[in-house]
């Protein structure tokens, strides 16, 4: 697996040769994170792709949100299964911690994002 690397602003990187790409486990980690952050209906060639953040963020949709995030992780190419998964939402900051089995080995990662 080889994909274009994203910088801290989630923009593609160019002009750094092979450093403009991520391979294997790093590519998979980036792919999982970027898929989780996709909003439902934002992908012009697949309007059914993404997580419906507007409907699921809130007090009533916590279980559905967790299921949507899990489904997005498991459906990522190269992911075999989820070993552990936690979502914490406090003071409008969401943190997702996960450990997954992949074709490259076990990966533990997290994603923190604030929302308004």
PDB file of N, CA and C in Angstrom:
ATOM      1  N   UNK A   1       0.848  -1.173   0.000  1.00  0.00           N
ATOM      2  CA  UNK A   1       0.000   0.000   0.000  1.00  0.00           C
ATOM      3  C   UNK A   1       0.893   1.236   0.000  1.00  0.00           C
ATOM      4  N   UNK A   2       0.598   2.162  -0.883  1.00  0.00           N
ATOM      5  CA  UNK A   2       1.341   3.423  -0.971  1.00  0.00           C
ATOM      6  C   UNK A   2       0.345   4.523  -1.301  1.00  0.00           C
ATOM      7  N   UNK A   3       0.348   5.586  -0.495  1.00  0.00           N
ATOM      8  CA  UNK A   3      -0.566   6.702  -0.739  1.00  0.00           C
ATOM      9  C   UNK A   3       0.168   8.030  -0.559  1.00  0.00           C
ATOM     10  N   UNK A   4      -0.424   9.084  -1.086  1.00  0.00           N
ATOM     11  CA  UNK A   4       0.127  10.432  -0.953  1.00  0.00           C
ATOM     12  C   UNK A   4       0.058  10.852   0.509  1.00  0.00           C
ATOM     13  N   UNK A   5       1.134  11.372   1.050  1.00  0.00           N
ATOM     14  CA  UNK A   5       1.171  11.828   2.442  1.00  0.00           C
ATOM     15  C   UNK A   5       0.371  13.121   2.589  1.00  0.00           C
ATOM     16  N   UNK A   6      -0.244  13.267   3.743  1.00  0.00           N
ATOM     17  CA  UNK A   6      -0.978  14.479   4.081  1.00  0.00           C
ATOM     18  C   UNK A   6      -0.218  15.222   5.167  1.00  0.00           C
ATOM     19  N   UNK A   7      -0.252  16.557   5.104  1.00  0.00           N
ATOM     20  CA  UNK A   7       0.420  17.347   6.144  1.00  0.00           C
ATOM     21  C   UNK A   7      -0.523  17.565   7.323  1.00  0.00           C
ATOM     22  N   UNK A   8      -0.143  18.411   8.264  1.00  0.00           N
ATOM     23  CA  UNK A   8      -0.949  18.654   9.463  1.00  0.00           C
ATOM     24  C   UNK A   8      -2.291  19.308   9.167  1.00  0.00           C
ATOM     25  N   UNK A   9      -2.422  19.953   8.006  1.00  0.00           N
ATOM     26  CA  UNK A   9      -3.685  20.574   7.598  1.00  0.00           C
ATOM     27  C   UNK A   9      -4.526  19.647   6.720  1.00  0.00           C
ATOM     28  N   UNK A  10      -4.111  18.405   6.588  1.00  0.00           N
ATOM     29  CA  UNK A  10      -4.767  17.397   5.773  1.00  0.00           C
ATOM     30  C   UNK A  10      -4.709  17.723   4.281  1.00  0.00           C
ATOM     31  N   UNK A  11      -3.661  18.457   3.870  1.00  0.00           N
ATOM     32  CA  UNK A  11      -3.427  18.743   2.456  1.00  0.00           C
ATOM     33  C   UNK A  11      -2.355  17.793   1.928  1.00  0.00           C
ATOM     34  N   UNK A  12      -2.434  17.455   0.635  1.00  0.00           N
ATOM     35  CA  UNK A  12      -1.424  16.591   0.029  1.00  0.00           C
ATOM     36  C   UNK A  12      -0.063  17.262   0.073  1.00  0.00           C
ATOM     37  N   UNK A  13       0.974  16.456   0.191  1.00  0.00           N
ATOM     38  CA  UNK A  13       2.342  16.972   0.148  1.00  0.00           C
ATOM     39  C   UNK A  13       2.936  16.694  -1.232  1.00  0.00           C
ATOM     40  N   UNK A  14       3.703  17.655  -1.723  1.00  0.00           N
ATOM     41  CA  UNK A  14       4.371  17.541  -3.017  1.00  0.00           C
ATOM     42  C   UNK A  14       5.799  18.062  -2.888  1.00  0.00           C
ATOM     43  N   UNK A  15       6.676  17.613  -3.783  1.00  0.00           N
ATOM     44  CA  UNK A  15       8.007  18.176  -3.887  1.00  0.00           C
ATOM     45  C   UNK A  15       9.042  17.605  -2.949  1.00  0.00           C
ATOM     46  N   UNK A  16       8.721  16.509  -2.271  1.00  0.00           N
ATOM     47  CA  UNK A  16       9.672  15.918  -1.340  1.00  0.00           C
ATOM     48  C   UNK A  16      10.080  14.506  -1.749  1.00  0.00           C
ATOM     49  N   UNK A  17       9.912  14.181  -3.017  1.00  0.00           N
ATOM     50  CA  UNK A  17      10.287  12.864  -3.510  1.00  0.00           C
ATOM     51  C   UNK A  17       9.489  11.765  -2.823  1.00  0.00           C
ATOM     52  N   UNK A  18      10.188  10.727  -2.371  1.00  0.00           N
ATOM     53  CA  UNK A  18       9.524   9.610  -1.698  1.00  0.00           C
ATOM     54  C   UNK A  18       8.911  10.005  -0.366  1.00  0.00           C
ATOM     55  N   UNK A  19       9.363  11.105   0.229  1.00  0.00           N
ATOM     56  CA  UNK A  19       8.779  11.559   1.486  1.00  0.00           C
ATOM     57  C   UNK A  19       7.378  12.137   1.291  1.00  0.00           C
ATOM     58  N   UNK A  20       6.974  12.350   0.037  1.00  0.00           N
ATOM     59  CA  UNK A  20       5.627  12.812  -0.256  1.00  0.00           C
ATOM     60  C   UNK A  20       4.621  11.665  -0.233  1.00  0.00           C
ATOM     61  N   UNK A  21       5.088  10.461   0.087  1.00  0.00           N
ATOM     62  CA  UNK A  21       4.238   9.277   0.127  1.00  0.00           C
ATOM     63  C   UNK A  21       4.397   8.551   1.456  1.00  0.00           C
ATOM     64  N   UNK A  22       3.371   7.796   1.807  1.00  0.00           N
ATOM     65  CA  UNK A  22       3.439   6.915   2.968  1.00  0.00           C
ATOM     66  C   UNK A  22       3.220   5.494   2.479  1.00  0.00           C
ATOM     67  N   UNK A  23       3.915   4.564   3.122  1.00  0.00           N
ATOM     68  CA  UNK A  23       3.852   3.166   2.726  1.00  0.00           C
ATOM     69  C   UNK A  23       3.335   2.301   3.867  1.00  0.00           C
ATOM     70  N   UNK A  24       2.754   1.204   3.496  1.00  0.00           N
ATOM     71  CA  UNK A  24       2.299   0.140   4.375  1.00  0.00           C
ATOM     72  C   UNK A  24       1.602   0.637   5.633  1.00  0.00           C
ATOM     73  N   UNK A  25       2.191   0.429   6.806  1.00  0.00           N
ATOM     74  CA  UNK A  25       1.488   0.706   8.061  1.00  0.00           C
ATOM     75  C   UNK A  25       1.187   2.196   8.240  1.00  0.00           C
ATOM     76  N   UNK A  26       2.108   3.075   7.833  1.00  0.00           N
ATOM     77  CA  UNK A  26       1.865   4.514   7.944  1.00  0.00           C
ATOM     78  C   UNK A  26       0.774   4.955   6.977  1.00  0.00           C
ATOM     79  N   UNK A  27       0.742   4.350   5.800  1.00  0.00           N
ATOM     80  CA  UNK A  27      -0.318   4.650   4.833  1.00  0.00           C
ATOM     81  C   UNK A  27      -1.673   4.202   5.372  1.00  0.00           C
ATOM     82  N   UNK A  28      -1.705   3.035   5.976  1.00  0.00           N
ATOM     83  CA  UNK A  28      -2.952   2.527   6.524  1.00  0.00           C
ATOM     84  C   UNK A  28      -3.437   3.392   7.677  1.00  0.00           C
ATOM     85  N   UNK A  29      -2.541   3.824   8.559  1.00  0.00           N
ATOM     86  CA  UNK A  29      -2.917   4.696   9.675  1.00  0.00           C
ATOM     87  C   UNK A  29      -3.528   5.998   9.164  1.00  0.00           C
ATOM     88  N   UNK A  30      -2.893   6.602   8.160  1.00  0.00           N
ATOM     89  CA  UNK A  30      -3.410   7.847   7.590  1.00  0.00           C
ATOM     90  C   UNK A  30      -4.758   7.606   6.915  1.00  0.00           C
ATOM     91  N   UNK A  31      -4.887   6.495   6.233  1.00  0.00           N
ATOM     92  CA  UNK A  31      -6.128   6.182   5.530  1.00  0.00           C
ATOM     93  C   UNK A  31      -7.285   6.010   6.504  1.00  0.00           C
ATOM     94  N   UNK A  32      -7.049   5.321   7.634  1.00  0.00           N
ATOM     95  CA  UNK A  32      -8.096   5.144   8.638  1.00  0.00           C
ATOM     96  C   UNK A  32      -8.534   6.500   9.183  1.00  0.00           C
ATOM     97  N   UNK A  33      -7.571   7.349   9.559  1.00  0.00           N
ATOM     98  CA  UNK A  33      -7.901   8.662  10.115  1.00  0.00           C
ATOM     99  C   UNK A  33      -8.685   9.516   9.128  1.00  0.00           C
ATOM    100  N   UNK A  34      -8.244   9.555   7.887  1.00  0.00           N
ATOM    101  CA  UNK A  34      -8.925  10.408   6.911  1.00  0.00           C
ATOM    102  C   UNK A  34     -10.322   9.888   6.596  1.00  0.00           C
ATOM    103  N   UNK A  35     -10.519   8.566   6.610  1.00  0.00           N
ATOM    104  CA  UNK A  35     -11.853   8.007   6.380  1.00  0.00           C
ATOM    105  C   UNK A  35     -12.788   8.333   7.540  1.00  0.00           C
ATOM    106  N   UNK A  36     -12.270   8.286   8.771  1.00  0.00           N
ATOM    107  CA  UNK A  36     -13.095   8.618   9.928  1.00  0.00           C
ATOM    108  C   UNK A  36     -13.582  10.064   9.840  1.00  0.00           C
ATOM    109  N   UNK A  37     -12.733  10.958   9.367  1.00  0.00           N
ATOM    110  CA  UNK A  37     -13.073  12.384   9.328  1.00  0.00           C
ATOM    111  C   UNK A  37     -13.967  12.780   8.156  1.00  0.00           C
ATOM    112  N   UNK A  38     -14.253  11.860   7.244  1.00  0.00           N
ATOM    113  CA  UNK A  38     -15.088  12.180   6.083  1.00  0.00           C
ATOM    114  C   UNK A  38     -16.543  12.400   6.494  1.00  0.00           C
ATOM    115  N   UNK A  39     -17.116  13.484   6.015  1.00  0.00           N
ATOM    116  CA  UNK A  39     -18.524  13.788   6.255  1.00  0.00           C
ATOM    117  C   UNK A  39     -19.385  13.072   5.221  1.00  0.00           C
ATOM    118  N   UNK A  40     -20.512  12.569   5.650  1.00  0.00           N
ATOM    119  CA  UNK A  40     -21.469  11.908   4.769  1.00  0.00           C
ATOM    120  C   UNK A  40     -21.885  12.864   3.653  1.00  0.00           C
ATOM    121  N   UNK A  41     -21.791  12.391   2.407  1.00  0.00           N
ATOM    122  CA  UNK A  41     -22.233  13.175   1.270  1.00  0.00           C
ATOM    123  C   UNK A  41     -21.199  14.136   0.710  1.00  0.00           C
ATOM    124  N   UNK A  42     -19.988  14.181   1.283  1.00  0.00           N
ATOM    125  CA  UNK A  42     -18.958  15.104   0.791  1.00  0.00           C
ATOM    126  C   UNK A  42     -18.151  14.555  -0.377  1.00  0.00           C
ATOM    127  N   UNK A  43     -18.178  13.266  -0.590  1.00  0.00           N
ATOM    128  CA  UNK A  43     -17.406  12.648  -1.669  1.00  0.00           C
ATOM    129  C   UNK A  43     -18.241  12.695  -2.948  1.00  0.00           C
ATOM    130  N   UNK A  44     -17.825  13.520  -3.917  1.00  0.00           N
ATOM    131  CA  UNK A  44     -18.647  13.779  -5.101  1.00  0.00           C
ATOM    132  C   UNK A  44     -18.915  12.534  -5.932  1.00  0.00           C
ATOM    133  N   UNK A  45     -18.040  11.536  -5.884  1.00  0.00           N
ATOM    134  CA  UNK A  45     -18.269  10.344  -6.689  1.00  0.00           C
ATOM    135  C   UNK A  45     -18.933   9.214  -5.896  1.00  0.00           C
ATOM    136  N   UNK A  46     -19.159   9.408  -4.589  1.00  0.00           N
ATOM    137  CA  UNK A  46     -19.880   8.437  -3.764  1.00  0.00           C
ATOM    138  C   UNK A  46     -20.614   9.193  -2.661  1.00  0.00           C
ATOM    139  N   UNK A  47     -21.812   9.650  -2.950  1.00  0.00           N
ATOM    140  CA  UNK A  47     -22.564  10.495  -2.020  1.00  0.00           C
ATOM    141  C   UNK A  47     -23.048   9.739  -0.779  1.00  0.00           C
ATOM    142  N   UNK A  48     -22.900   8.427  -0.746  1.00  0.00           N
ATOM    143  CA  UNK A  48     -23.295   7.628   0.416  1.00  0.00           C
ATOM    144  C   UNK A  48     -22.114   7.345   1.345  1.00  0.00           C
ATOM    145  N   UNK A  49     -20.921   7.854   1.019  1.00  0.00           N
ATOM    146  CA  UNK A  49     -19.718   7.590   1.800  1.00  0.00           C
ATOM    147  C   UNK A  49     -19.575   8.617   2.917  1.00  0.00           C
ATOM    148  N   UNK A  50     -19.019   8.191   4.036  1.00  0.00           N
ATOM    149  CA  UNK A  50     -18.714   9.092   5.129  1.00  0.00           C
ATOM    150  C   UNK A  50     -19.580   8.850   6.349  1.00  0.00           C
ATOM    151  N   UNK A  51     -19.297   9.594   7.397  1.00  0.00           N
ATOM    152  CA  UNK A  51     -20.037   9.514   8.654  1.00  0.00           C
ATOM    153  C   UNK A  51     -20.944  10.726   8.754  1.00  0.00           C
ATOM    154  N   UNK A  52     -22.173  10.505   9.147  1.00  0.00           N
ATOM    155  CA  UNK A  52     -23.144  11.593   9.251  1.00  0.00           C
ATOM    156  C   UNK A  52     -22.947  12.322  10.589  1.00  0.00           C
ATOM    157  N   UNK A  53     -21.865  13.096  10.649  1.00  0.00           N
ATOM    158  CA  UNK A  53     -21.481  13.776  11.889  1.00  0.00           C
ATOM    159  C   UNK A  53     -22.566  14.720  12.404  1.00  0.00           C
ATOM    160  N   UNK A  54     -23.259  15.419  11.513  1.00  0.00           N
ATOM    161  CA  UNK A  54     -24.266  16.387  11.940  1.00  0.00           C
ATOM    162  C   UNK A  54     -25.406  15.731  12.713  1.00  0.00           C
ATOM    163  N   UNK A  55     -25.789  14.522  12.328  1.00  0.00           N
ATOM    164  CA  UNK A  55     -26.870  13.836  13.013  1.00  0.00           C
ATOM    165  C   UNK A  55     -26.384  13.046  14.226  1.00  0.00           C
ATOM    166  N   UNK A  56     -25.158  12.557  14.185  1.00  0.00           N
ATOM    167  CA  UNK A  56     -24.701  11.639  15.223  1.00  0.00           C
ATOM    168  C   UNK A  56     -23.991  12.313  16.394  1.00  0.00           C
ATOM    169  N   UNK A  57     -23.457  13.515  16.188  1.00  0.00           N
ATOM    170  CA  UNK A  57     -22.833  14.204  17.321  1.00  0.00           C
ATOM    171  C   UNK A  57     -23.925  14.790  18.194  1.00  0.00           C
ATOM    172  N   UNK A  58     -23.950  14.387  19.404  1.00  0.00           N
ATOM    173  CA  UNK A  58     -24.971  14.848  20.335  1.00  0.00           C
ATOM    174  C   UNK A  58     -25.225  13.778  21.374  1.00  0.00           C
ATOM    175  N   UNK A  59     -26.115  14.080  22.263  1.00  0.00           N
ATOM    176  CA  UNK A  59     -26.360  13.190  23.390  1.00  0.00           C
ATOM    177  C   UNK A  59     -27.072  11.901  23.008  1.00  0.00           C
ATOM    178  N   UNK A  60     -27.901  11.930  21.998  1.00  0.00           N
ATOM    179  CA  UNK A  60     -28.698  10.763  21.656  1.00  0.00           C
ATOM    180  C   UNK A  60     -28.006   9.799  20.707  1.00  0.00           C
ATOM    181  N   UNK A  61     -27.047  10.260  19.957  1.00  0.00           N
ATOM    182  CA  UNK A  61     -26.459   9.429  18.913  1.00  0.00           C
ATOM    183  C   UNK A  61     -25.130   8.802  19.264  1.00  0.00           C
ATOM    184  N   UNK A  62     -24.776   8.716  20.531  1.00  0.00           N
ATOM    185  CA  UNK A  62     -23.435   8.239  20.908  1.00  0.00           C
ATOM    186  C   UNK A  62     -23.178   6.800  20.447  1.00  0.00           C
ATOM    187  N   UNK A  63     -24.109   5.889  20.670  1.00  0.00           N
ATOM    188  CA  UNK A  63     -23.920   4.492  20.266  1.00  0.00           C
ATOM    189  C   UNK A  63     -23.871   4.379  18.747  1.00  0.00           C
ATOM    190  N   UNK A  64     -24.749   5.109  18.058  1.00  0.00           N
ATOM    191  CA  UNK A  64     -24.757   5.084  16.599  1.00  0.00           C
ATOM    192  C   UNK A  64     -23.463   5.671  16.035  1.00  0.00           C
ATOM    193  N   UNK A  65     -22.951   6.727  16.689  1.00  0.00           N
ATOM    194  CA  UNK A  65     -21.687   7.329  16.267  1.00  0.00           C
ATOM    195  C   UNK A  65     -20.548   6.327  16.425  1.00  0.00           C
ATOM    196  N   UNK A  66     -20.495   5.650  17.554  1.00  0.00           N
ATOM    197  CA  UNK A  66     -19.456   4.644  17.764  1.00  0.00           C
ATOM    198  C   UNK A  66     -19.541   3.546  16.714  1.00  0.00           C
ATOM    199  N   UNK A  67     -20.742   3.095  16.408  1.00  0.00           N
ATOM    200  CA  UNK A  67     -20.916   2.059  15.381  1.00  0.00           C
ATOM    201  C   UNK A  67     -20.489   2.549  14.003  1.00  0.00           C
ATOM    202  N   UNK A  68     -20.804   3.804  13.676  1.00  0.00           N
ATOM    203  CA  UNK A  68     -20.409   4.364  12.376  1.00  0.00           C
ATOM    204  C   UNK A  68     -18.889   4.453  12.259  1.00  0.00           C
ATOM    205  N   UNK A  69     -18.224   4.863  13.342  1.00  0.00           N
ATOM    206  CA  UNK A  69     -16.760   4.961  13.325  1.00  0.00           C
ATOM    207  C   UNK A  69     -16.144   3.567  13.202  1.00  0.00           C
ATOM    208  N   UNK A  70     -16.664   2.616  13.970  1.00  0.00           N
ATOM    209  CA  UNK A  70     -16.164   1.233  13.885  1.00  0.00           C
ATOM    210  C   UNK A  70     -16.324   0.675  12.476  1.00  0.00           C
ATOM    211  N   UNK A  71     -17.505   0.899  11.879  1.00  0.00           N
ATOM    212  CA  UNK A  71     -17.741   0.413  10.515  1.00  0.00           C
ATOM    213  C   UNK A  71     -16.782   1.047   9.519  1.00  0.00           C
ATOM    214  N   UNK A  72     -16.477   2.331   9.710  1.00  0.00           N
ATOM    215  CA  UNK A  72     -15.545   3.003   8.816  1.00  0.00           C
ATOM    216  C   UNK A  72     -14.136   2.406   8.965  1.00  0.00           C
ATOM    217  N   UNK A  73     -13.733   2.105  10.191  1.00  0.00           N
ATOM    218  CA  UNK A  73     -12.414   1.510  10.420  1.00  0.00           C
ATOM    219  C   UNK A  73     -12.338   0.126   9.787  1.00  0.00           C
ATOM    220  N   UNK A  74     -13.320  -0.713  10.069  1.00  0.00           N
ATOM    221  CA  UNK A  74     -13.298  -2.099   9.594  1.00  0.00           C
ATOM    222  C   UNK A  74     -13.375  -2.179   8.074  1.00  0.00           C
ATOM    223  N   UNK A  75     -14.056  -1.229   7.449  1.00  0.00           N
ATOM    224  CA  UNK A  75     -14.190  -1.263   5.989  1.00  0.00           C
ATOM    225  C   UNK A  75     -12.985  -0.672   5.265  1.00  0.00           C
ATOM    226  N   UNK A  76     -11.975  -0.221   6.005  1.00  0.00           N
ATOM    227  CA  UNK A  76     -10.764   0.322   5.395  1.00  0.00           C
ATOM    228  C   UNK A  76      -9.898  -0.819   4.852  1.00  0.00           C
ATOM    229  N   UNK A  77      -9.426  -0.653   3.631  1.00  0.00           N
ATOM    230  CA  UNK A  77      -8.577  -1.665   3.006  1.00  0.00           C
ATOM    231  C   UNK A  77      -7.349  -1.935   3.879  1.00  0.00           C
ATOM    232  N   UNK A  78      -7.093  -3.200   4.163  1.00  0.00           N
ATOM    233  CA  UNK A  78      -5.936  -3.588   4.958  1.00  0.00           C
ATOM    234  C   UNK A  78      -6.248  -3.843   6.420  1.00  0.00           C
ATOM    235  N   UNK A  79      -7.435  -3.436   6.883  1.00  0.00           N
ATOM    236  CA  UNK A  79      -7.836  -3.662   8.279  1.00  0.00           C
ATOM    237  C   UNK A  79      -8.517  -5.023   8.369  1.00  0.00           C
ATOM    238  N   UNK A  80      -8.076  -5.825   9.334  1.00  0.00           N
ATOM    239  CA  UNK A  80      -8.637  -7.158   9.542  1.00  0.00           C
ATOM    240  C   UNK A  80      -9.711  -7.130  10.630  1.00  0.00           C
ATOM    241  N   UNK A  81      -9.472  -6.364  11.703  1.00  0.00           N
ATOM    242  CA  UNK A  81     -10.445  -6.293  12.783  1.00  0.00           C
ATOM    243  C   UNK A  81     -10.030  -5.292  13.842  1.00  0.00           C
ATOM    244  N   UNK A  82     -10.937  -5.024  14.772  1.00  0.00           N
ATOM    245  CA  UNK A  82     -10.688  -4.074  15.857  1.00  0.00           C
ATOM    246  C   UNK A  82     -10.413  -4.853  17.136  1.00  0.00           C
ATOM    247  N   UNK A  83      -9.295  -4.539  17.796  1.00  0.00           N
ATOM    248  CA  UNK A  83      -8.971  -5.165  19.087  1.00  0.00           C
ATOM    249  C   UNK A  83      -9.567  -4.365  20.238  1.00  0.00           C
ATOM    250  N   UNK A  84      -9.424  -3.042  20.195  1.00  0.00           N
ATOM    251  CA  UNK A  84     -10.010  -2.185  21.224  1.00  0.00           C
ATOM    252  C   UNK A  84     -10.419  -0.865  20.589  1.00  0.00           C
ATOM    253  N   UNK A  85     -11.419  -0.227  21.220  1.00  0.00           N
ATOM    254  CA  UNK A  85     -11.988   0.982  20.632  1.00  0.00           C
ATOM    255  C   UNK A  85     -12.677   1.779  21.734  1.00  0.00           C
ATOM    256  N   UNK A  86     -12.368   3.067  21.830  1.00  0.00           N
ATOM    257  CA  UNK A  86     -13.010   3.959  22.791  1.00  0.00           C
ATOM    258  C   UNK A  86     -13.216   5.324  22.161  1.00  0.00           C
ATOM    259  N   UNK A  87     -14.347   5.939  22.466  1.00  0.00           N
ATOM    260  CA  UNK A  87     -14.628   7.309  22.047  1.00  0.00           C
ATOM    261  C   UNK A  87     -14.932   8.119  23.300  1.00  0.00           C
ATOM    262  N   UNK A  88     -14.233   9.231  23.465  1.00  0.00           N
ATOM    263  CA  UNK A  88     -14.463  10.138  24.577  1.00  0.00           C
ATOM    264  C   UNK A  88     -14.864  11.492  24.019  1.00  0.00           C
ATOM    265  N   UNK A  89     -15.962  12.035  24.516  1.00  0.00           N
ATOM    266  CA  UNK A  89     -16.410  13.368  24.109  1.00  0.00           C
ATOM    267  C   UNK A  89     -16.595  14.185  25.377  1.00  0.00           C
ATOM    268  N   UNK A  90     -15.825  15.259  25.475  1.00  0.00           N
ATOM    269  CA  UNK A  90     -15.921  16.128  26.644  1.00  0.00           C
ATOM    270  C   UNK A  90     -15.553  17.546  26.223  1.00  0.00           C
ATOM    271  N   UNK A  91     -16.350  18.508  26.642  1.00  0.00           N
ATOM    272  CA  UNK A  91     -16.101  19.924  26.346  1.00  0.00           C
ATOM    273  C   UNK A  91     -15.894  20.168  24.855  1.00  0.00           C
ATOM    274  N   UNK A  92     -16.730  19.522  24.045  1.00  0.00           N
ATOM    275  CA  UNK A  92     -16.722  19.691  22.592  1.00  0.00           C
ATOM    276  C   UNK A  92     -15.430  19.222  21.935  1.00  0.00           C
ATOM    277  N   UNK A  93     -14.716  18.327  22.599  1.00  0.00           N
ATOM    278  CA  UNK A  93     -13.523  17.705  22.032  1.00  0.00           C
ATOM    279  C   UNK A  93     -13.744  16.200  22.037  1.00  0.00           C
ATOM    280  N   UNK A  94     -13.553  15.590  20.883  1.00  0.00           N
ATOM    281  CA  UNK A  94     -13.729  14.157  20.735  1.00  0.00           C
ATOM    282  C   UNK A  94     -12.369  13.493  20.557  1.00  0.00           C
ATOM    283  N   UNK A  95     -12.139  12.429  21.304  1.00  0.00           N
ATOM    284  CA  UNK A  95     -10.921  11.636  21.168  1.00  0.00           C
ATOM    285  C   UNK A  95     -11.327  10.199  20.884  1.00  0.00           C
ATOM    286  N   UNK A  96     -10.751   9.636  19.841  1.00  0.00           N
ATOM    287  CA  UNK A  96     -11.008   8.249  19.468  1.00  0.00           C
ATOM    288  C   UNK A  96      -9.695   7.497  19.633  1.00  0.00           C
ATOM    289  N   UNK A  97      -9.688   6.472  20.464  1.00  0.00           N
ATOM    290  CA  UNK A  97      -8.532   5.602  20.645  1.00  0.00           C
ATOM    291  C   UNK A  97      -8.884   4.232  20.094  1.00  0.00           C
ATOM    292  N   UNK A  98      -7.991   3.664  19.301  1.00  0.00           N
ATOM    293  CA  UNK A  98      -8.282   2.350  18.743  1.00  0.00           C
ATOM    294  C   UNK A  98      -7.005   1.553  18.537  1.00  0.00           C
ATOM    295  N   UNK A  99      -7.170   0.246  18.643  1.00  0.00           N
ATOM    296  CA  UNK A  99      -6.119  -0.709  18.310  1.00  0.00           C
ATOM    297  C   UNK A  99      -6.743  -1.674  17.320  1.00  0.00           C
ATOM    298  N   UNK A 100      -6.087  -1.837  16.171  1.00  0.00           N
ATOM    299  CA  UNK A 100      -6.651  -2.666  15.103  1.00  0.00           C
ATOM    300  C   UNK A 100      -5.636  -3.691  14.626  1.00  0.00           C
ATOM    301  N   UNK A 101      -6.149  -4.813  14.162  1.00  0.00           N
ATOM    302  CA  UNK A 101      -5.332  -5.808  13.474  1.00  0.00           C
ATOM    303  C   UNK A 101      -5.351  -5.463  11.991  1.00  0.00           C
ATOM    304  N   UNK A 102      -4.164  -5.424  11.390  1.00  0.00           N
ATOM    305  CA  UNK A 102      -4.069  -5.094   9.974  1.00  0.00           C
ATOM    306  C   UNK A 102      -3.219  -6.144   9.272  1.00  0.00           C
ATOM    307  N   UNK A 103      -3.173  -6.064   7.967  1.00  0.00           N
ATOM    308  CA  UNK A 103      -2.322  -6.984   7.219  1.00  0.00           C
ATOM    309  C   UNK A 103      -0.838  -6.695   7.452  1.00  0.00           C
ATOM    310  N   UNK A 104      -0.518  -5.552   8.066  1.00  0.00           N
ATOM    311  CA  UNK A 104       0.861  -5.190   8.368  1.00  0.00           C
ATOM    312  C   UNK A 104       1.218  -5.412   9.834  1.00  0.00           C
ATOM    313  N   UNK A 105       0.252  -5.821  10.650  1.00  0.00           N
ATOM    314  CA  UNK A 105       0.472  -6.020  12.076  1.00  0.00           C
ATOM    315  C   UNK A 105      -0.553  -5.246  12.891  1.00  0.00           C
ATOM    316  N   UNK A 106      -0.313  -5.175  14.192  1.00  0.00           N
ATOM    317  CA  UNK A 106      -1.226  -4.482  15.097  1.00  0.00           C
ATOM    318  C   UNK A 106      -0.878  -2.995  15.115  1.00  0.00           C
ATOM    319  N   UNK A 107      -1.896  -2.145  15.030  1.00  0.00           N
ATOM    320  CA  UNK A 107      -1.717  -0.701  15.012  1.00  0.00           C
ATOM    321  C   UNK A 107      -2.548  -0.086  16.131  1.00  0.00           C
ATOM    322  N   UNK A 108      -1.912   0.722  16.961  1.00  0.00           N
ATOM    323  CA  UNK A 108      -2.628   1.518  17.961  1.00  0.00           C
ATOM    324  C   UNK A 108      -2.482   2.976  17.572  1.00  0.00           C
ATOM    325  N   UNK A 109      -3.590   3.699  17.580  1.00  0.00           N
ATOM    326  CA  UNK A 109      -3.547   5.100  17.181  1.00  0.00           C
ATOM    327  C   UNK A 109      -4.705   5.829  17.853  1.00  0.00           C
ATOM    328  N   UNK A 110      -4.685   7.158  17.728  1.00  0.00           N
ATOM    329  CA  UNK A 110      -5.778   7.955  18.249  1.00  0.00           C
ATOM    330  C   UNK A 110      -6.003   9.142  17.344  1.00  0.00           C
ATOM    331  N   UNK A 111      -7.163   9.725  17.502  1.00  0.00           N
ATOM    332  CA  UNK A 111      -7.556  10.884  16.716  1.00  0.00           C
ATOM    333  C   UNK A 111      -8.297  11.824  17.641  1.00  0.00           C
ATOM    334  N   UNK A 112      -7.825  13.055  17.744  1.00  0.00           N
ATOM    335  CA  UNK A 112      -8.486  14.062  18.567  1.00  0.00           C
ATOM    336  C   UNK A 112      -8.944  15.186  17.654  1.00  0.00           C
ATOM    337  N   UNK A 113     -10.202  15.574  17.821  1.00  0.00           N
ATOM    338  CA  UNK A 113     -10.761  16.612  16.982  1.00  0.00           C
ATOM    339  C   UNK A 113     -11.766  17.421  17.794  1.00  0.00           C
ATOM    340  N   UNK A 114     -11.720  18.713  17.639  1.00  0.00           N
ATOM    341  CA  UNK A 114     -12.724  19.540  18.313  1.00  0.00           C
ATOM    342  C   UNK A 114     -13.825  19.885  17.324  1.00  0.00           C
ATOM    343  N   UNK A 115     -15.003  20.103  17.826  1.00  0.00           N
ATOM    344  CA  UNK A 115     -16.122  20.481  16.979  1.00  0.00           C
ATOM    345  C   UNK A 115     -16.880  21.623  17.639  1.00  0.00           C
ATOM    346  N   UNK A 116     -17.517  22.417  16.807  1.00  0.00           N
ATOM    347  CA  UNK A 116     -18.249  23.587  17.301  1.00  0.00           C
ATOM    348  C   UNK A 116     -19.719  23.401  17.038  1.00  0.00           C
TER     349      UNK A 116
END
